[in-house]
Amino acid sequence: MPKLDKMVKERKHLVSGEVDKLLEATKGSRNEARDRCFLLLMFRHGLRVSEACSLRLSQVDLENRVLHVTCNDLQSSGYGPAIIAISDLNYLILSGASDRN
């Protein structure tokens, strides 16, 4: 059986427990709702850090419940736009965010 350290180094994704810890870390922060939404978007929709960080509110289409994301990883389906359906929870959070702007 491989050692845990080697397994973690070879892995390129988070497991559920690690995501839970990240979500827990947002509690009580100044921008808790935003940070939690950001993490949920990344985890549930498979966004890379660079894709999530480059998101702009104009790329969020609440009417059609989709995100327009620019893929910028050679190993993905290629460069260019991707359309991602927004989950119900993230839709509610993003709806509140757009109301504040």
N, C-alpha and C. Protein backbone atom coordinates (compact mmCIF):
# COMPACT_ATOMS: atom_id res chain seq x y z
N MET A 1 0.85 -1.19 0.00
CA MET A 1 0.00 0.00 0.00
C MET A 1 0.90 1.25 0.00
N PRO A 2 0.59 2.24 -0.87
CA PRO A 2 1.43 3.45 -0.93
C PRO A 2 1.33 4.28 0.35
N LYS A 3 2.41 4.98 0.64
CA LYS A 3 2.42 5.85 1.81
C LYS A 3 1.49 7.04 1.59
N LEU A 4 0.92 7.54 2.69
CA LEU A 4 -0.02 8.64 2.63
C LEU A 4 0.61 9.89 2.01
N ASP A 5 1.86 10.21 2.39
CA ASP A 5 2.52 11.39 1.85
C ASP A 5 2.61 11.33 0.32
N LYS A 6 2.95 10.17 -0.19
CA LYS A 6 3.08 10.02 -1.64
C LYS A 6 1.71 10.16 -2.30
N MET A 7 0.68 9.59 -1.69
CA MET A 7 -0.67 9.67 -2.26
C MET A 7 -1.14 11.13 -2.32
N VAL A 8 -0.86 11.90 -1.26
CA VAL A 8 -1.27 13.30 -1.22
C VAL A 8 -0.51 14.10 -2.27
N LYS A 9 0.77 13.85 -2.44
CA LYS A 9 1.57 14.57 -3.42
C LYS A 9 1.10 14.29 -4.85
N GLU A 10 0.66 13.06 -5.12
CA GLU A 10 0.24 12.67 -6.46
C GLU A 10 -1.17 13.16 -6.78
N ARG A 11 -1.95 13.40 -5.78
CA ARG A 11 -3.34 13.83 -5.96
C ARG A 11 -3.40 15.25 -6.48
N LYS A 12 -4.36 15.54 -7.34
CA LYS A 12 -4.49 16.89 -7.88
C LYS A 12 -5.85 17.48 -7.55
N HIS A 13 -6.51 16.92 -6.56
CA HIS A 13 -7.83 17.42 -6.16
C HIS A 13 -7.98 17.30 -4.65
N LEU A 14 -8.98 17.97 -4.11
CA LEU A 14 -9.26 17.90 -2.68
C LEU A 14 -10.28 16.80 -2.41
N VAL A 15 -10.18 16.20 -1.25
CA VAL A 15 -11.20 15.24 -0.83
C VAL A 15 -12.22 16.00 0.02
N SER A 16 -13.35 15.38 0.24
CA SER A 16 -14.47 16.03 0.93
C SER A 16 -14.07 16.63 2.28
N GLY A 17 -13.30 15.92 3.07
CA GLY A 17 -12.89 16.41 4.39
C GLY A 17 -12.05 17.68 4.30
N GLU A 18 -11.22 17.77 3.27
CA GLU A 18 -10.39 18.97 3.08
C GLU A 18 -11.26 20.16 2.68
N VAL A 19 -12.25 19.92 1.86
CA VAL A 19 -13.17 20.99 1.47
C VAL A 19 -13.95 21.47 2.69
N ASP A 20 -14.39 20.53 3.52
CA ASP A 20 -15.11 20.90 4.75
C ASP A 20 -14.27 21.80 5.63
N LYS A 21 -12.98 21.51 5.74
CA LYS A 21 -12.09 22.34 6.55
C LYS A 21 -11.96 23.75 5.96
N LEU A 22 -11.87 23.83 4.64
CA LEU A 22 -11.79 25.14 4.00
C LEU A 22 -13.07 25.94 4.23
N LEU A 23 -14.22 25.29 4.10
CA LEU A 23 -15.49 25.97 4.33
C LEU A 23 -15.62 26.41 5.78
N GLU A 24 -15.15 25.59 6.68
CA GLU A 24 -15.18 25.93 8.12
C GLU A 24 -14.32 27.16 8.39
N ALA A 25 -13.23 27.30 7.66
CA ALA A 25 -12.31 28.42 7.86
C ALA A 25 -12.95 29.76 7.47
N THR A 26 -14.00 29.73 6.67
CA THR A 26 -14.65 30.98 6.26
C THR A 26 -15.57 31.53 7.35
N LYS A 27 -15.96 30.70 8.29
CA LYS A 27 -16.92 31.13 9.31
C LYS A 27 -16.36 32.28 10.14
N GLY A 28 -17.17 33.33 10.24
CA GLY A 28 -16.79 34.48 11.03
C GLY A 28 -15.89 35.47 10.31
N SER A 29 -15.53 35.15 9.07
CA SER A 29 -14.68 36.09 8.33
C SER A 29 -15.51 37.28 7.86
N ARG A 30 -14.85 38.34 7.50
CA ARG A 30 -15.53 39.57 7.10
C ARG A 30 -16.42 39.35 5.88
N ASN A 31 -15.98 38.52 4.96
CA ASN A 31 -16.72 38.24 3.73
C ASN A 31 -17.11 36.76 3.66
N GLU A 32 -17.70 36.27 4.72
CA GLU A 32 -18.00 34.84 4.84
C GLU A 32 -18.83 34.32 3.66
N ALA A 33 -19.93 35.00 3.31
CA ALA A 33 -20.80 34.52 2.23
C ALA A 33 -20.06 34.47 0.91
N ARG A 34 -19.29 35.52 0.61
CA ARG A 34 -18.52 35.55 -0.64
C ARG A 34 -17.49 34.43 -0.69
N ASP A 35 -16.73 34.29 0.41
CA ASP A 35 -15.67 33.29 0.44
C ASP A 35 -16.24 31.88 0.34
N ARG A 36 -17.34 31.64 1.03
CA ARG A 36 -17.98 30.32 0.99
C ARG A 36 -18.50 30.02 -0.42
N CYS A 37 -19.12 31.00 -1.03
CA CYS A 37 -19.63 30.84 -2.40
C CYS A 37 -18.49 30.53 -3.36
N PHE A 38 -17.41 31.26 -3.22
CA PHE A 38 -16.24 31.07 -4.07
C PHE A 38 -15.71 29.64 -3.96
N LEU A 39 -15.57 29.16 -2.73
CA LEU A 39 -15.08 27.80 -2.52
C LEU A 39 -16.05 26.76 -3.06
N LEU A 40 -17.34 26.98 -2.84
CA LEU A 40 -18.34 26.04 -3.34
C LEU A 40 -18.35 26.01 -4.87
N LEU A 41 -18.22 27.17 -5.49
CA LEU A 41 -18.13 27.22 -6.95
C LEU A 41 -16.94 26.39 -7.45
N MET A 42 -15.82 26.58 -6.81
CA MET A 42 -14.62 25.87 -7.23
C MET A 42 -14.77 24.36 -7.05
N PHE A 43 -15.26 23.96 -5.89
CA PHE A 43 -15.35 22.53 -5.60
C PHE A 43 -16.46 21.85 -6.40
N ARG A 44 -17.64 22.41 -6.37
CA ARG A 44 -18.78 21.76 -7.03
C ARG A 44 -18.71 21.78 -8.55
N HIS A 45 -18.08 22.80 -9.10
CA HIS A 45 -18.07 22.94 -10.55
C HIS A 45 -16.70 22.70 -11.16
N GLY A 46 -15.74 22.32 -10.34
CA GLY A 46 -14.43 21.94 -10.85
C GLY A 46 -13.60 23.08 -11.40
N LEU A 47 -13.80 24.28 -10.86
CA LEU A 47 -13.00 25.41 -11.33
C LEU A 47 -11.59 25.35 -10.77
N ARG A 48 -10.65 25.68 -11.59
CA ARG A 48 -9.27 25.82 -11.13
C ARG A 48 -9.14 27.18 -10.43
N VAL A 49 -8.11 27.33 -9.63
CA VAL A 49 -7.90 28.58 -8.91
C VAL A 49 -7.81 29.75 -9.89
N SER A 50 -7.05 29.58 -10.95
CA SER A 50 -6.88 30.68 -11.92
C SER A 50 -8.22 31.04 -12.58
N GLU A 51 -9.05 30.03 -12.86
CA GLU A 51 -10.35 30.30 -13.48
C GLU A 51 -11.27 31.04 -12.50
N ALA A 52 -11.27 30.61 -11.26
CA ALA A 52 -12.12 31.25 -10.25
C ALA A 52 -11.65 32.67 -9.97
N CYS A 53 -10.35 32.86 -9.89
CA CYS A 53 -9.82 34.20 -9.58
C CYS A 53 -10.06 35.19 -10.71
N SER A 54 -10.18 34.71 -11.93
CA SER A 54 -10.39 35.62 -13.06
C SER A 54 -11.88 35.86 -13.34
N LEU A 55 -12.77 35.21 -12.58
CA LEU A 55 -14.21 35.43 -12.77
C LEU A 55 -14.61 36.87 -12.47
N ARG A 56 -15.51 37.38 -13.26
CA ARG A 56 -16.09 38.70 -13.05
C ARG A 56 -17.60 38.54 -12.96
N LEU A 57 -18.25 39.44 -12.27
CA LEU A 57 -19.69 39.36 -12.11
C LEU A 57 -20.41 39.34 -13.46
N SER A 58 -19.82 39.98 -14.45
CA SER A 58 -20.42 40.01 -15.79
C SER A 58 -20.45 38.62 -16.43
N GLN A 59 -19.66 37.68 -15.92
CA GLN A 59 -19.64 36.32 -16.45
C GLN A 59 -20.71 35.44 -15.80
N VAL A 60 -21.43 35.98 -14.84
CA VAL A 60 -22.48 35.23 -14.16
C VAL A 60 -23.81 35.59 -14.80
N ASP A 61 -24.46 34.60 -15.40
CA ASP A 61 -25.76 34.79 -16.05
C ASP A 61 -26.82 34.16 -15.15
N LEU A 62 -27.39 34.98 -14.25
CA LEU A 62 -28.37 34.47 -13.29
C LEU A 62 -29.67 34.06 -13.97
N GLU A 63 -30.04 34.76 -15.02
CA GLU A 63 -31.29 34.43 -15.71
C GLU A 63 -31.27 33.00 -16.25
N ASN A 64 -30.14 32.61 -16.83
CA ASN A 64 -30.00 31.26 -17.39
C ASN A 64 -29.28 30.29 -16.45
N ARG A 65 -28.87 30.80 -15.29
CA ARG A 65 -28.17 30.02 -14.27
C ARG A 65 -26.91 29.35 -14.79
N VAL A 66 -26.06 30.14 -15.43
CA VAL A 66 -24.79 29.62 -15.93
C VAL A 66 -23.66 30.60 -15.66
N LEU A 67 -22.46 30.05 -15.61
CA LEU A 67 -21.23 30.84 -15.54
C LEU A 67 -20.53 30.72 -16.88
N HIS A 68 -19.96 31.80 -17.35
CA HIS A 68 -19.16 31.77 -18.56
C HIS A 68 -17.70 31.87 -18.10
N VAL A 69 -17.02 30.74 -18.15
CA VAL A 69 -15.66 30.63 -17.62
C VAL A 69 -14.68 30.46 -18.76
N THR A 70 -13.55 31.15 -18.66
CA THR A 70 -12.48 30.98 -19.64
C THR A 70 -11.52 29.93 -19.13
N CYS A 71 -11.42 28.82 -19.87
CA CYS A 71 -10.50 27.74 -19.49
C CYS A 71 -9.11 28.14 -19.95
N ASN A 72 -8.15 27.99 -19.04
CA ASN A 72 -6.80 28.39 -19.42
C ASN A 72 -5.78 27.34 -19.02
N ASP A 73 -6.16 26.06 -19.19
CA ASP A 73 -5.27 24.96 -18.88
C ASP A 73 -5.17 24.06 -20.11
N LEU A 74 -3.96 23.77 -20.52
CA LEU A 74 -3.77 22.93 -21.69
C LEU A 74 -4.37 21.54 -21.53
N GLN A 75 -4.48 21.05 -20.30
CA GLN A 75 -5.00 19.71 -20.09
C GLN A 75 -6.52 19.67 -20.06
N SER A 76 -7.17 20.82 -20.03
CA SER A 76 -8.63 20.84 -20.08
C SER A 76 -9.06 20.58 -21.51
N SER A 77 -10.31 20.81 -21.80
CA SER A 77 -10.81 20.59 -23.15
C SER A 77 -10.23 21.60 -24.13
N GLY A 78 -9.34 22.39 -23.69
CA GLY A 78 -8.71 23.38 -24.55
C GLY A 78 -8.94 24.78 -24.02
N TYR A 79 -8.27 25.73 -24.62
CA TYR A 79 -8.48 27.11 -24.23
C TYR A 79 -9.86 27.58 -24.69
N GLY A 80 -10.34 28.60 -24.05
CA GLY A 80 -11.58 29.19 -24.50
C GLY A 80 -12.67 29.12 -23.46
N PRO A 81 -13.86 29.53 -23.85
CA PRO A 81 -14.96 29.62 -22.89
C PRO A 81 -15.57 28.27 -22.58
N ALA A 82 -16.09 28.15 -21.38
CA ALA A 82 -16.88 26.99 -20.97
C ALA A 82 -18.12 27.53 -20.28
N ILE A 83 -19.22 26.84 -20.45
CA ILE A 83 -20.45 27.24 -19.80
C ILE A 83 -20.76 26.22 -18.73
N ILE A 84 -20.93 26.69 -17.49
CA ILE A 84 -21.14 25.82 -16.35
C ILE A 84 -22.46 26.16 -15.69
N ALA A 85 -23.30 25.16 -15.50
CA ALA A 85 -24.58 25.37 -14.81
C ALA A 85 -24.32 25.69 -13.34
N ILE A 86 -25.07 26.63 -12.81
CA ILE A 86 -24.91 27.05 -11.41
C ILE A 86 -25.85 26.22 -10.54
N SER A 87 -25.32 25.65 -9.47
CA SER A 87 -26.13 24.86 -8.54
C SER A 87 -27.13 25.77 -7.82
N ASP A 88 -28.18 25.17 -7.26
CA ASP A 88 -29.22 25.94 -6.56
C ASP A 88 -28.65 26.79 -5.43
N LEU A 89 -27.77 26.20 -4.61
CA LEU A 89 -27.20 26.93 -3.48
C LEU A 89 -26.39 28.12 -3.96
N ASN A 90 -25.53 27.90 -4.93
CA ASN A 90 -24.71 28.99 -5.43
C ASN A 90 -25.57 30.04 -6.14
N TYR A 91 -26.65 29.63 -6.77
CA TYR A 91 -27.56 30.58 -7.39
C TYR A 91 -28.13 31.53 -6.34
N LEU A 92 -28.57 30.99 -5.22
CA LEU A 92 -29.12 31.83 -4.15
C LEU A 92 -28.09 32.81 -3.63
N ILE A 93 -26.87 32.33 -3.43
CA ILE A 93 -25.80 33.20 -2.91
C ILE A 93 -25.44 34.27 -3.93
N LEU A 94 -25.29 33.87 -5.20
CA LEU A 94 -24.93 34.83 -6.24
C LEU A 94 -26.04 35.84 -6.49
N SER A 95 -27.29 35.41 -6.34
CA SER A 95 -28.41 36.34 -6.49
C SER A 95 -28.30 37.45 -5.46
N GLY A 96 -27.96 37.09 -4.25
CA GLY A 96 -27.77 38.09 -3.19
C GLY A 96 -26.59 38.99 -3.48
N ALA A 97 -25.52 38.43 -4.05
CA ALA A 97 -24.34 39.23 -4.36
C ALA A 97 -24.64 40.24 -5.43
N SER A 98 -25.43 39.86 -6.44
CA SER A 98 -25.72 40.80 -7.52
C SER A 98 -26.69 41.89 -7.04
N ASP A 99 -27.52 41.59 -6.06
CA ASP A 99 -28.42 42.60 -5.50
C ASP A 99 -27.66 43.69 -4.78
N ARG A 100 -26.48 43.35 -4.20
CA ARG A 100 -25.69 44.32 -3.45
C ARG A 100 -24.87 45.22 -4.35
N ASN A 101 -24.69 44.84 -5.60
CA ASN A 101 -23.85 45.63 -6.52
C ASN A 101 -24.69 46.58 -7.35
